Amino acid sequence: MADQKFLQELEKKLWTSANKLLPSLDAAVYKHVVLGMVFLKYVSDSFETRRQELKKAFTDPDNDYYLGEDADDIIEEELENRDYYTEKNVFWVPAAARWQYVQDNIRLSVGSSLALGGEFKGAGKMLDDTMELIEKENPKLKRILNKNYAQLQIEQNKLADLLDLIATIPFTQDTLKAKDILGHVYEYFLGQFAAAEGKKGGQFYTPKSIVNLLVELVEPYKGRVYDPAMGSGGFFISSEKFIEEHSGKIKDISVYGQESNPTTWRLAAMNMAIRGIDFDFGKEPADTFTKDQHPDLKADFVLANPPFNQDEWWDGSLEGDARWQGYTTPPKGNGNYAWMLHMLHHTSPNGVVGLVLANGSLSSTTSGEGAIREELIKADLVEAIVALPSQLFANTQIPACIWVLNRNKPQRGKTLFIDAREVGHMIDRKQKAFSDDDTKALADMFHKWRANSDYEDVAGEFYAATTEEIAKQDYILTPGRYVGVAEEEDDGIPFGEKMSALTATLGEQFEESHRLESEIKKNLLGLGYDV
């Protein structure tokens, strides 16, 4: 509880303060300005933490790193040995790129008052050079960090003020790891930016509730994990947490992803780098359909939230593509089923796909969509469908659902339908979220059914339908058609008695309405207005 309060207070302070500093900056630009600085603060703090650990170890006679008495000069030299840092998966930060140095000098650079190397620098140029230094010293970060601060139309003193604000982020907390604090700040800011940018249909940012539920359903313990529309890499991060919570090892998975937006591609890579997760996001940011960065990949798990109802996905080069073989070609005006078939194409013989799509994918028959859905069902690939609440996304009210596809279903010839539209709680006036208990309850029921253990249908919530039952519904997969309506508990009050009480209350409300109407007319008349 204390950790949660700490994080909530931190996010509120950061968001409010940053908005005051950069009120006119577009959110699409703003996110990279802020998150780049947050990343710089994190790597510098991690470096300094390791540096202090080493300093203590070098002066401790009982430690294997002990360098002896009166070894101050040797200690200072050893503290600059990069191997001590990289062995602990800590990024090497050169002296001129360390947070304290940057913070101490950036205000001198404002107004081009700092001369370094015969060149005058502004705050933006100094930040760009700092990022360049860190990238140069850490090959994993090549082409990842934001290096265009100098080009932004921002007052130089505002950049310095923002740096001072980011400096207040404490990447040390009694029971929280630094990477978890950083991850929370990233997640919060990405959610706020998604709402501010108004991204279409969940593009760029997938709410934590959906990510966690999908990961709990699919269970990516070991093997190759792939996200062809990865955004900032949220599914990979949640997979890491899932593995840790279930006593697994993050090294047991290998991560593959693709993203067309260059800046978002970099954000995802930064997210992986800070967590020490080995990743392959292809040679470059690229369109998943026309420039597949992993053409030969067969993943064990696919987790994705592709753009909903994407209308400009088609390219002439995709005619007759191997990804559609055996299925009707996806409609050119809607990419929902193109994404689905792309994922299945990249799935191993025992692989599982979990993806989020607009609800229209469950029932649409436009331009061959119904035919593809029928083909998937007849191939016995659809393992589960989850109807989601409409308010989980901060940036769209399009009703969404989760599809779980499985190339080797334990429950042959059956599909589990879950209606979770009423699950969750409101976190503000517009947005809903699942609690951990909500997620666990939904996932537990799915796994009980999958294992054929202690599962029973629950009216209005869960129903396991046979392929024959689905065929009778014309292969429409809307959960409401299958789960039915929950039975209401009888309160023992006769219907006539209920109606008498309701009409009596309604009569009193009508009477009060007439009285108020009369009072309003009287007051208006006193002001010289007759109604």
Protein backbone atom coordinates (compact mmCIF):
# COMPACT_ATOMS: atom_id res chain seq x y z
CA MET A 1 0.00 0.00 0.00
CA ALA A 2 2.87 2.36 0.86
CA ASP A 3 4.53 1.56 -2.48
CA GLN A 4 1.32 2.32 -4.37
CA LYS A 5 0.89 5.64 -2.56
CA PHE A 6 4.52 6.54 -3.29
CA LEU A 7 4.05 5.84 -7.01
CA GLN A 8 0.74 7.72 -7.22
CA GLU A 9 2.21 10.81 -5.58
CA LEU A 10 5.25 10.60 -7.84
CA GLU A 11 3.24 10.35 -11.07
CA LYS A 12 0.91 13.19 -10.08
CA LYS A 13 3.82 15.50 -9.27
CA LEU A 14 5.66 14.69 -12.49
CA TRP A 15 2.68 15.09 -14.79
CA THR A 16 1.42 18.32 -13.22
CA SER A 17 4.84 19.93 -13.09
CA ALA A 18 5.84 18.89 -16.60
CA ASN A 19 2.61 20.29 -18.03
CA LYS A 20 3.36 23.63 -16.43
CA LEU A 21 6.80 23.67 -18.00
CA LEU A 22 5.74 22.66 -21.51
CA PRO A 23 2.10 23.77 -21.89
CA SER A 24 2.25 24.42 -25.63
CA LEU A 25 4.23 21.37 -26.75
CA ASP A 26 2.39 18.69 -28.72
CA ALA A 27 2.04 15.43 -26.76
CA ALA A 28 3.57 13.42 -29.62
CA VAL A 29 6.80 15.43 -29.23
CA TYR A 30 6.54 15.99 -25.49
CA LYS A 31 6.64 12.28 -24.62
CA HIS A 32 10.08 11.81 -26.17
CA VAL A 33 11.46 14.93 -24.52
CA VAL A 34 10.33 13.74 -21.08
CA LEU A 35 10.99 10.00 -21.42
CA GLY A 36 14.48 10.58 -22.84
CA MET A 37 15.40 12.58 -19.75
CA VAL A 38 13.79 9.96 -17.47
CA PHE A 39 15.93 7.29 -19.12
CA LEU A 40 19.08 9.39 -18.68
CA LYS A 41 18.26 9.82 -14.97
CA TYR A 42 17.72 6.09 -14.57
CA VAL A 43 20.97 4.96 -16.20
CA SER A 44 22.91 7.59 -14.26
CA ASP A 45 21.34 6.59 -10.95
CA SER A 46 21.96 2.89 -11.66
CA PHE A 47 25.56 3.69 -12.50
CA GLU A 48 26.02 5.74 -9.31
CA THR A 49 24.41 3.01 -7.18
CA ARG A 50 26.86 0.46 -8.57
CA ARG A 51 29.72 2.93 -8.09
CA GLN A 52 28.90 3.29 -4.38
CA GLU A 53 28.65 -0.50 -4.01
CA LEU A 54 32.13 -0.84 -5.51
CA LYS A 55 33.60 1.91 -3.34
CA LYS A 56 32.31 0.14 -0.25
CA ALA A 57 33.59 -3.24 -1.49
CA PHE A 58 37.07 -1.86 -2.31
CA THR A 59 37.49 -0.64 1.29
CA ASP A 60 36.03 -3.71 3.05
CA PRO A 61 38.71 -6.20 4.18
CA ASP A 62 36.13 -9.00 4.20
CA ASN A 63 35.11 -8.39 0.58
CA ASP A 64 36.68 -10.13 -2.42
CA TYR A 65 37.04 -6.69 -4.09
CA TYR A 66 39.16 -5.29 -1.21
CA LEU A 67 42.12 -3.28 -2.54
CA GLY A 68 44.03 -2.77 0.73
CA GLU A 69 44.72 0.18 3.01
CA ASP A 70 45.76 3.59 1.66
CA ALA A 71 44.60 2.63 -1.82
CA ASP A 72 42.71 5.85 -2.63
CA ASP A 73 44.40 6.38 -5.98
CA ILE A 74 43.86 2.77 -7.00
CA ILE A 75 40.22 2.92 -5.89
CA GLU A 76 39.52 5.98 -8.03
CA GLU A 77 41.13 4.25 -10.98
CA GLU A 78 39.20 1.02 -10.42
CA LEU A 79 35.91 2.91 -10.09
CA GLU A 80 36.35 3.89 -13.74
CA ASN A 81 36.76 0.27 -14.87
CA ARG A 82 33.70 -0.38 -17.03
CA ASP A 83 33.87 -4.16 -16.54
CA TYR A 84 32.69 -3.80 -12.94
CA TYR A 85 29.48 -2.20 -14.25
CA THR A 86 28.72 -4.28 -17.32
CA GLU A 87 29.12 -7.52 -15.34
CA LYS A 88 26.04 -6.42 -13.36
CA ASN A 89 24.14 -5.36 -16.48
CA VAL A 90 24.64 -1.68 -15.59
CA PHE A 91 25.18 0.72 -18.49
CA TRP A 92 28.56 2.44 -18.58
CA VAL A 93 28.06 6.20 -18.25
CA PRO A 94 31.05 8.42 -19.18
CA ALA A 95 31.92 11.23 -16.75
CA ALA A 96 30.59 13.96 -19.09
CA ALA A 97 27.23 12.16 -19.39
CA ARG A 98 26.54 11.53 -15.72
CA TRP A 99 23.42 13.15 -14.33
CA GLN A 100 25.10 15.37 -11.77
CA TYR A 101 27.53 16.73 -14.37
CA VAL A 102 24.70 17.48 -16.79
CA GLN A 103 22.54 19.09 -14.13
CA ASP A 104 25.44 21.20 -12.84
CA ASN A 105 26.34 22.44 -16.30
CA ILE A 106 23.11 22.68 -18.27
CA ARG A 107 22.16 26.07 -16.86
CA LEU A 108 25.55 27.40 -17.85
CA SER A 109 24.78 26.29 -21.38
CA VAL A 110 21.44 28.10 -21.54
CA GLY A 111 21.72 31.10 -23.80
CA SER A 112 24.82 29.65 -25.47
CA SER A 113 27.00 30.72 -22.56
CA LEU A 114 28.96 27.48 -22.18
CA ALA A 115 31.90 26.89 -24.50
CA LEU A 116 33.05 23.29 -24.85
CA GLY A 117 35.57 22.16 -27.45
CA GLY A 118 35.55 25.58 -29.04
CA GLU A 119 31.81 25.37 -29.64
CA PHE A 120 29.00 27.17 -27.87
CA LYS A 121 26.16 24.94 -26.75
CA GLY A 122 22.59 25.41 -25.71
CA ALA A 123 20.76 23.11 -23.29
CA GLY A 124 19.34 21.06 -26.18
CA LYS A 125 22.74 20.55 -27.78
CA MET A 126 24.21 19.49 -24.46
CA LEU A 127 21.47 16.87 -23.99
CA ASP A 128 22.01 15.59 -27.54
CA ASP A 129 25.75 15.22 -26.92
CA THR A 130 25.07 13.46 -23.61
CA MET A 131 22.81 10.90 -25.32
CA GLU A 132 25.40 10.47 -28.09
CA LEU A 133 28.10 9.70 -25.53
CA ILE A 134 25.96 7.07 -23.77
CA GLU A 135 25.02 5.40 -27.06
CA LYS A 136 28.66 5.31 -28.17
CA GLU A 137 29.73 3.59 -24.95
CA ASN A 138 26.83 1.08 -24.92
CA PRO A 139 26.28 -0.78 -28.23
CA LYS A 140 22.89 -2.10 -27.01
CA LEU A 141 21.58 1.47 -27.12
CA LYS A 142 22.70 2.19 -30.69
CA ARG A 143 20.04 4.23 -32.58
CA ILE A 144 17.74 4.07 -29.54
CA LEU A 145 18.13 7.31 -27.61
CA ASN A 146 16.44 10.58 -28.53
CA LYS A 147 19.06 12.99 -29.90
CA ASN A 148 17.06 15.90 -31.31
CA TYR A 149 16.64 18.18 -28.30
CA ALA A 150 18.51 20.99 -30.05
CA GLN A 151 16.02 20.94 -32.93
CA LEU A 152 12.94 21.37 -30.74
CA GLN A 153 11.17 24.71 -30.55
CA ILE A 154 11.53 24.89 -26.77
CA GLU A 155 12.97 27.66 -24.66
CA GLN A 156 16.38 26.51 -23.45
CA ASN A 157 15.65 27.46 -19.84
CA LYS A 158 12.51 25.25 -19.98
CA LEU A 159 14.67 22.25 -20.83
CA ALA A 160 16.87 23.02 -17.84
CA ASP A 161 13.78 23.37 -15.62
CA LEU A 162 12.48 20.03 -16.86
CA LEU A 163 15.82 18.40 -16.10
CA ASP A 164 15.59 19.73 -12.53
CA LEU A 165 12.09 18.22 -12.27
CA ILE A 166 13.22 14.81 -13.51
CA ALA A 167 16.07 15.01 -10.97
CA THR A 168 13.48 14.66 -8.20
CA ILE A 169 12.54 11.12 -9.30
CA PRO A 170 13.92 8.84 -6.58
CA PHE A 171 15.08 5.63 -8.24
CA THR A 172 15.61 4.18 -4.81
CA GLN A 173 12.78 3.07 -2.53
CA ASP A 174 12.74 0.63 0.37
CA THR A 175 10.78 -2.16 -1.33
CA LEU A 176 10.78 -1.08 -4.99
CA LYS A 177 13.48 -1.81 -7.55
CA ALA A 178 14.78 1.10 -9.63
CA LYS A 179 13.61 -0.51 -12.87
CA ASP A 180 10.11 -0.94 -11.43
CA ILE A 181 9.92 2.75 -10.53
CA LEU A 182 11.16 3.64 -14.00
CA GLY A 183 8.71 1.20 -15.57
CA HIS A 184 5.82 2.71 -13.62
CA VAL A 185 6.79 6.26 -14.64
CA TYR A 186 7.06 5.13 -18.28
CA GLU A 187 3.72 3.35 -18.16
CA TYR A 188 1.95 6.29 -16.54
CA PHE A 189 3.36 8.83 -18.98
CA LEU A 190 2.59 6.63 -21.99
CA GLY A 191 -1.02 6.31 -20.83
CA GLN A 192 -1.32 10.07 -20.37
CA PHE A 193 0.25 10.72 -23.76
CA ALA A 194 -2.07 8.21 -25.43
CA ALA A 195 -5.08 10.05 -24.01
CA ALA A 196 -3.64 13.45 -25.00
CA GLU A 197 -2.81 12.32 -28.53
CA GLY A 198 -6.19 10.65 -29.06
CA LYS A 199 -4.63 7.68 -30.84
CA LYS A 200 -7.10 5.64 -32.87
CA GLY A 201 -8.39 2.36 -31.48
CA GLY A 202 -5.80 1.69 -28.82
CA GLN A 203 -2.84 2.37 -31.11
CA PHE A 204 0.52 2.87 -29.34
CA TYR A 205 -0.58 2.21 -25.77
CA THR A 206 -2.32 -0.87 -24.39
CA PRO A 207 -3.86 -0.46 -20.90
CA LYS A 208 -2.21 -2.45 -18.14
CA SER A 209 -5.48 -4.31 -17.41
CA ILE A 210 -5.57 -5.81 -20.91
CA VAL A 211 -1.85 -6.56 -21.04
CA ASN A 212 -1.92 -8.38 -17.70
CA LEU A 213 -5.02 -10.39 -18.57
CA LEU A 214 -3.62 -11.49 -21.93
CA VAL A 215 -0.33 -12.55 -20.35
CA GLU A 216 -2.14 -14.52 -17.62
CA LEU A 217 -4.24 -16.28 -20.27
CA VAL A 218 -1.38 -17.11 -22.64
CA GLU A 219 1.33 -17.79 -19.99
CA PRO A 220 4.55 -17.09 -21.90
CA TYR A 221 6.91 -19.02 -19.60
CA LYS A 222 9.52 -20.26 -22.05
CA GLY A 223 10.35 -19.88 -25.70
CA ARG A 224 10.00 -17.23 -28.37
CA VAL A 225 7.61 -14.34 -27.67
CA TYR A 226 6.54 -12.13 -30.58
CA ASP A 227 4.60 -8.88 -30.91
CA PRO A 228 4.24 -7.62 -34.51
CA ALA A 229 2.62 -4.35 -33.35
CA MET A 230 4.68 -3.84 -30.22
CA GLY A 231 4.29 -0.11 -29.54
CA SER A 232 6.45 0.59 -26.50
CA GLY A 233 6.86 -3.11 -25.59
CA GLY A 234 4.25 -3.40 -22.85
CA PHE A 235 3.53 -7.09 -23.47
CA PHE A 236 7.21 -8.00 -23.11
CA ILE A 237 7.49 -6.14 -19.81
CA SER A 238 4.38 -7.81 -18.45
CA SER A 239 5.76 -11.18 -19.59
CA GLU A 240 8.90 -10.48 -17.57
CA LYS A 241 6.82 -9.77 -14.45
CA PHE A 242 4.74 -12.89 -15.05
CA ILE A 243 7.84 -15.06 -15.28
CA GLU A 244 9.34 -13.55 -12.12
CA GLU A 245 6.10 -14.02 -10.16
CA HIS A 246 5.97 -17.68 -11.17
CA SER A 247 9.61 -18.36 -10.23
CA GLY A 248 10.75 -18.59 -13.80
CA LYS A 249 13.80 -17.05 -15.48
CA ILE A 250 13.64 -14.16 -17.92
CA LYS A 251 16.55 -15.76 -19.82
CA ASP A 252 14.16 -18.59 -20.73
CA ILE A 253 12.38 -16.36 -23.24
CA SER A 254 13.60 -14.59 -26.35
CA VAL A 255 11.79 -11.48 -27.49
CA TYR A 256 10.94 -10.50 -31.07
CA GLY A 257 9.01 -7.43 -32.09
CA GLN A 258 8.21 -5.01 -34.88
CA GLU A 259 7.03 -1.41 -34.95
CA SER A 260 6.71 1.07 -37.82
CA ASN A 261 6.93 4.30 -35.79
CA PRO A 262 10.65 5.15 -35.37
CA THR A 263 10.29 7.00 -32.06
CA THR A 264 8.04 4.32 -30.56
CA TRP A 265 10.45 1.65 -31.81
CA ARG A 266 13.19 3.40 -29.82
CA LEU A 267 11.00 3.57 -26.71
CA ALA A 268 10.43 -0.18 -26.87
CA ALA A 269 14.15 -0.82 -27.21
CA MET A 270 14.85 1.43 -24.20
CA ASN A 271 12.25 -0.50 -22.20
CA MET A 272 14.05 -3.77 -22.97
CA ALA A 273 17.53 -2.38 -22.42
CA ILE A 274 16.86 -1.16 -18.88
CA ARG A 275 15.51 -4.58 -17.92
CA GLY A 276 18.36 -6.55 -19.40
CA ILE A 277 16.04 -8.39 -21.79
CA ASP A 278 17.69 -9.60 -25.00
CA PHE A 279 15.56 -8.49 -27.92
CA ASP A 280 15.36 -8.54 -31.68
CA PHE A 281 13.23 -5.73 -33.08
CA GLY A 282 14.57 -6.08 -36.60
CA LYS A 283 17.09 -3.94 -38.43
CA GLU A 284 14.81 -0.90 -38.49
CA PRO A 285 11.33 0.43 -37.78
CA ALA A 286 9.16 -0.93 -40.61
CA ASP A 287 5.66 -1.84 -41.74
CA THR A 288 4.85 -5.35 -40.53
CA PHE A 289 2.97 -6.35 -43.68
CA THR A 290 5.28 -5.03 -46.40
CA LYS A 291 8.66 -5.23 -44.59
CA ASP A 292 8.39 -8.20 -42.25
CA GLN A 293 11.52 -8.05 -40.08
CA HIS A 294 11.19 -11.69 -38.97
CA PRO A 295 10.11 -13.62 -42.09
CA ASP A 296 11.28 -17.02 -40.81
CA LEU A 297 10.14 -16.68 -37.19
CA LYS A 298 7.86 -19.31 -35.68
CA ALA A 299 7.01 -18.04 -32.22
CA ASP A 300 5.75 -20.05 -29.26
CA PHE A 301 3.66 -17.12 -28.06
CA VAL A 302 2.27 -14.11 -29.91
CA LEU A 303 0.87 -11.21 -27.88
CA ALA A 304 -0.42 -8.11 -29.65
CA ASN A 305 -2.78 -5.17 -29.73
CA PRO A 306 -2.71 -4.13 -33.39
CA PRO A 307 -4.44 -0.95 -34.63
CA PHE A 308 -8.22 -1.48 -34.67
CA ASN A 309 -10.01 -1.55 -38.03
CA GLN A 310 -6.92 -0.34 -39.90
CA ASP A 311 -8.13 0.87 -43.29
CA GLU A 312 -4.81 1.60 -45.05
CA TRP A 313 -2.86 -1.58 -44.48
CA TRP A 314 -3.05 -3.08 -47.96
CA ASP A 315 -0.31 -2.93 -50.58
CA GLY A 316 -0.35 -4.48 -54.04
CA SER A 317 2.70 -6.58 -53.17
CA LEU A 318 0.57 -8.51 -50.64
CA GLU A 319 -1.58 -10.18 -53.31
CA GLY A 320 -1.19 -13.95 -52.93
CA ASP A 321 1.06 -13.55 -49.87
CA ALA A 322 2.08 -16.75 -48.07
CA ARG A 323 0.42 -15.49 -44.90
CA TRP A 324 -3.05 -15.83 -46.45
CA GLN A 325 -2.52 -19.27 -47.96
CA GLY A 326 -5.29 -21.63 -46.91
CA TYR A 327 -7.59 -18.72 -46.03
CA THR A 328 -9.69 -16.13 -47.79
CA THR A 329 -7.60 -13.02 -48.54
CA PRO A 330 -8.26 -10.36 -45.84
CA PRO A 331 -10.33 -7.34 -46.94
CA LYS A 332 -8.29 -4.40 -48.17
CA GLY A 333 -10.36 -1.90 -46.18
CA ASN A 334 -9.93 -3.47 -42.74
CA GLY A 335 -6.72 -4.98 -41.33
CA ASN A 336 -8.19 -6.93 -38.38
CA TYR A 337 -7.98 -10.36 -40.00
CA ALA A 338 -4.75 -9.52 -41.82
CA TRP A 339 -3.11 -9.05 -38.42
CA MET A 340 -4.62 -12.29 -37.17
CA LEU A 341 -3.41 -14.33 -40.14
CA HIS A 342 0.04 -12.71 -39.95
CA MET A 343 0.31 -13.85 -36.33
CA LEU A 344 -0.84 -17.39 -37.08
CA HIS A 345 1.70 -17.58 -39.89
CA HIS A 346 4.45 -16.77 -37.37
CA THR A 347 3.25 -19.29 -34.77
CA SER A 348 4.91 -22.64 -34.06
CA PRO A 349 2.94 -25.95 -34.31
CA ASN A 350 2.15 -25.72 -30.57
CA GLY A 351 2.01 -21.94 -30.46
CA VAL A 352 -0.60 -19.70 -28.83
CA VAL A 353 -1.79 -16.29 -30.02
CA GLY A 354 -3.41 -13.69 -27.76
CA LEU A 355 -4.55 -10.50 -29.44
CA VAL A 356 -6.88 -7.57 -28.86
CA LEU A 357 -9.27 -6.57 -31.65
CA ALA A 358 -12.35 -4.43 -32.12
CA ASN A 359 -15.62 -6.27 -31.41
CA GLY A 360 -16.55 -6.04 -35.07
CA SER A 361 -14.11 -8.88 -35.72
CA LEU A 362 -16.50 -11.23 -33.88
CA SER A 363 -19.47 -10.76 -36.18
CA SER A 364 -18.58 -8.85 -39.34
CA THR A 365 -19.23 -10.60 -42.67
CA THR A 366 -17.94 -7.74 -44.83
CA SER A 367 -15.57 -8.52 -47.70
CA GLY A 368 -14.79 -12.08 -46.65
CA GLU A 369 -14.32 -11.51 -42.91
CA GLY A 370 -17.08 -13.97 -42.10
CA ALA A 371 -15.45 -16.53 -44.38
CA ILE A 372 -12.08 -16.21 -42.62
CA ARG A 373 -13.73 -16.53 -39.22
CA GLU A 374 -15.51 -19.69 -40.35
CA GLU A 375 -12.23 -21.09 -41.67
CA LEU A 376 -10.51 -20.44 -38.34
CA ILE A 377 -13.31 -22.12 -36.39
CA LYS A 378 -13.43 -25.16 -38.66
CA ALA A 379 -9.65 -25.46 -38.29
CA ASP A 380 -10.26 -25.62 -34.52
CA LEU A 381 -7.93 -22.70 -33.81
CA VAL A 382 -10.19 -20.45 -31.70
CA GLU A 383 -9.64 -21.38 -28.06
CA ALA A 384 -11.30 -18.47 -26.23
CA ILE A 385 -13.06 -15.14 -26.77
CA VAL A 386 -13.26 -12.47 -24.05
CA ALA A 387 -15.65 -9.52 -24.34
CA LEU A 388 -14.04 -6.51 -22.63
CA PRO A 389 -15.57 -3.42 -20.98
CA SER A 390 -15.79 -0.46 -23.36
CA GLN A 391 -13.96 1.91 -20.98
CA LEU A 392 -10.64 0.12 -20.53
CA PHE A 393 -8.92 2.27 -23.15
CA ALA A 394 -8.22 5.89 -22.26
CA ASN A 395 -8.21 6.97 -25.89
CA THR A 396 -11.08 5.13 -27.57
CA GLN A 397 -14.57 3.92 -26.73
CA ILE A 398 -14.54 1.27 -29.47
CA PRO A 399 -15.74 -1.98 -27.84
CA ALA A 400 -12.89 -4.50 -27.82
CA CYS A 401 -12.34 -8.20 -27.25
CA ILE A 402 -9.55 -10.70 -26.72
CA TRP A 403 -8.99 -13.62 -29.08
CA VAL A 404 -6.96 -16.62 -27.90
CA LEU A 405 -5.89 -18.84 -30.80
CA ASN A 406 -4.14 -22.14 -30.18
CA ARG A 407 -2.59 -24.48 -32.76
CA ASN A 408 -2.77 -27.38 -30.31
CA LYS A 409 -5.92 -26.90 -28.21
CA PRO A 410 -6.32 -29.23 -25.21
CA GLN A 411 -10.11 -28.90 -25.53
CA ARG A 412 -10.72 -30.07 -29.08
CA GLY A 413 -13.83 -28.86 -30.85
CA LYS A 414 -14.70 -26.34 -28.12
CA THR A 415 -14.33 -22.59 -27.52
CA LEU A 416 -14.66 -20.82 -24.18
CA PHE A 417 -16.69 -17.60 -24.21
CA ILE A 418 -16.10 -15.08 -21.41
CA ASP A 419 -18.29 -12.01 -20.97
CA ALA A 420 -16.23 -9.57 -18.88
CA ARG A 421 -18.10 -6.41 -19.89
CA GLU A 422 -19.28 -5.79 -16.33
CA VAL A 423 -15.96 -6.67 -14.68
CA GLY A 424 -13.66 -3.97 -13.24
CA HIS A 425 -13.94 -0.63 -11.48
CA MET A 426 -13.82 3.02 -12.56
CA ILE A 427 -10.47 4.72 -11.89
CA ASP A 428 -11.78 8.12 -13.03
CA ARG A 429 -14.84 9.53 -14.81
CA LYS A 430 -13.87 8.01 -18.17
CA GLN A 431 -11.73 4.94 -17.61
CA LYS A 432 -12.17 1.51 -16.13
CA ALA A 433 -9.55 -0.98 -14.90
CA PHE A 434 -9.31 -4.58 -13.72
CA SER A 435 -8.07 -5.29 -10.22
CA ASP A 436 -5.53 -8.08 -9.71
CA ASP A 437 -8.39 -10.18 -8.31
CA ASP A 438 -10.47 -9.55 -11.45
CA THR A 439 -7.61 -10.68 -13.68
CA LYS A 440 -6.94 -13.76 -11.55
CA ALA A 441 -10.61 -14.80 -11.51
CA LEU A 442 -10.93 -14.58 -15.30
CA ALA A 443 -7.62 -16.35 -15.96
CA ASP A 444 -8.27 -19.07 -13.36
CA MET A 445 -11.60 -19.97 -14.97
CA PHE A 446 -9.96 -20.16 -18.39
CA HIS A 447 -7.21 -22.47 -17.13
CA LYS A 448 -9.68 -24.68 -15.25
CA TRP A 449 -11.62 -25.12 -18.47
CA ARG A 450 -8.47 -25.69 -20.51
CA ALA A 451 -7.33 -28.38 -18.04
CA ASN A 452 -10.87 -29.82 -17.82
CA SER A 453 -10.69 -29.44 -14.03
CA ASP A 454 -13.50 -28.11 -11.79
CA TYR A 455 -14.95 -25.98 -14.57
CA GLU A 456 -18.67 -25.21 -14.82
CA ASP A 457 -20.49 -22.76 -17.07
CA VAL A 458 -21.71 -19.61 -15.28
CA ALA A 459 -24.77 -17.93 -16.76
CA GLY A 460 -23.95 -14.45 -18.00
CA GLU A 461 -20.18 -14.96 -17.61
CA PHE A 462 -18.70 -18.22 -18.96
CA TYR A 463 -19.84 -20.77 -21.52
CA ALA A 464 -17.92 -23.52 -23.35
CA ALA A 465 -19.50 -23.91 -26.79
CA THR A 466 -18.94 -26.72 -29.27
CA THR A 467 -18.06 -26.05 -32.89
CA GLU A 468 -21.56 -27.30 -33.79
CA GLU A 469 -23.17 -24.70 -31.53
CA ILE A 470 -21.02 -21.96 -33.10
CA ALA A 471 -22.03 -23.14 -36.58
CA LYS A 472 -25.70 -22.76 -35.60
CA GLN A 473 -24.91 -19.12 -34.79
CA ASP A 474 -23.51 -18.64 -38.32
CA TYR A 475 -19.98 -18.62 -36.90
CA ILE A 476 -20.55 -15.37 -35.04
CA LEU A 477 -18.39 -15.25 -31.91
CA THR A 478 -20.03 -12.54 -29.79
CA PRO A 479 -19.91 -13.96 -26.21
CA GLY A 480 -23.35 -12.59 -25.34
CA ARG A 481 -24.89 -15.11 -27.77
CA TYR A 482 -23.50 -18.00 -25.75
CA VAL A 483 -23.17 -17.07 -22.08
CA GLY A 484 -26.82 -16.09 -21.69
CA VAL A 485 -28.13 -13.88 -18.90
CA ALA A 486 -27.26 -14.26 -15.25
CA GLU A 487 -30.12 -15.34 -13.05
CA GLU A 488 -31.30 -12.64 -10.66
CA GLU A 489 -31.65 -13.61 -7.04
CA ASP A 490 -35.26 -13.51 -5.86
CA ASP A 491 -35.59 -10.98 -3.02
CA GLY A 492 -38.92 -12.50 -1.88
CA ILE A 493 -40.97 -9.34 -2.45
CA PRO A 494 -44.12 -9.95 -4.56
CA PHE A 495 -44.28 -8.10 -7.88
CA GLY A 496 -47.51 -6.24 -6.98
CA GLU A 497 -45.97 -4.97 -3.75
CA LYS A 498 -42.87 -3.74 -5.63
CA MET A 499 -45.00 -1.87 -8.19
CA SER A 500 -47.09 -0.23 -5.47
CA ALA A 501 -43.95 1.04 -3.73
CA LEU A 502 -42.43 2.29 -6.99
CA THR A 503 -45.57 4.13 -8.14
CA ALA A 504 -45.94 5.72 -4.70
CA THR A 505 -42.36 7.01 -4.90
CA LEU A 506 -42.93 8.24 -8.44
CA GLY A 507 -46.07 10.09 -7.34
CA GLU A 508 -44.13 11.87 -4.61
CA GLN A 509 -41.44 12.87 -7.12
CA PHE A 510 -44.05 14.24 -9.55
CA GLU A 511 -45.61 16.26 -6.72
CA GLU A 512 -42.22 17.71 -5.76
CA SER A 513 -41.55 18.54 -9.42
CA HIS A 514 -44.80 20.53 -9.66
CA ARG A 515 -43.96 22.39 -6.44
CA LEU A 516 -40.51 23.36 -7.73
CA GLU A 517 -41.95 24.44 -11.07
CA SER A 518 -44.40 26.71 -9.25
CA GLU A 519 -41.63 28.24 -7.15
CA ILE A 520 -39.47 28.93 -10.21
CA LYS A 521 -42.36 30.64 -12.03
CA LYS A 522 -43.08 32.74 -8.93
CA ASN A 523 -39.42 33.86 -8.67
CA LEU A 524 -39.22 34.71 -12.38
CA LEU A 525 -42.44 36.73 -12.13
CA GLY A 526 -40.88 38.71 -9.28
CA LEU A 527 -38.06 39.61 -11.67
CA GLY A 528 -40.52 40.77 -14.30
CA TYR A 529 -40.54 37.65 -16.43
CA ASP A 530 -43.77 35.75 -17.02
CA VAL A 531 -43.50 32.15 -18.18
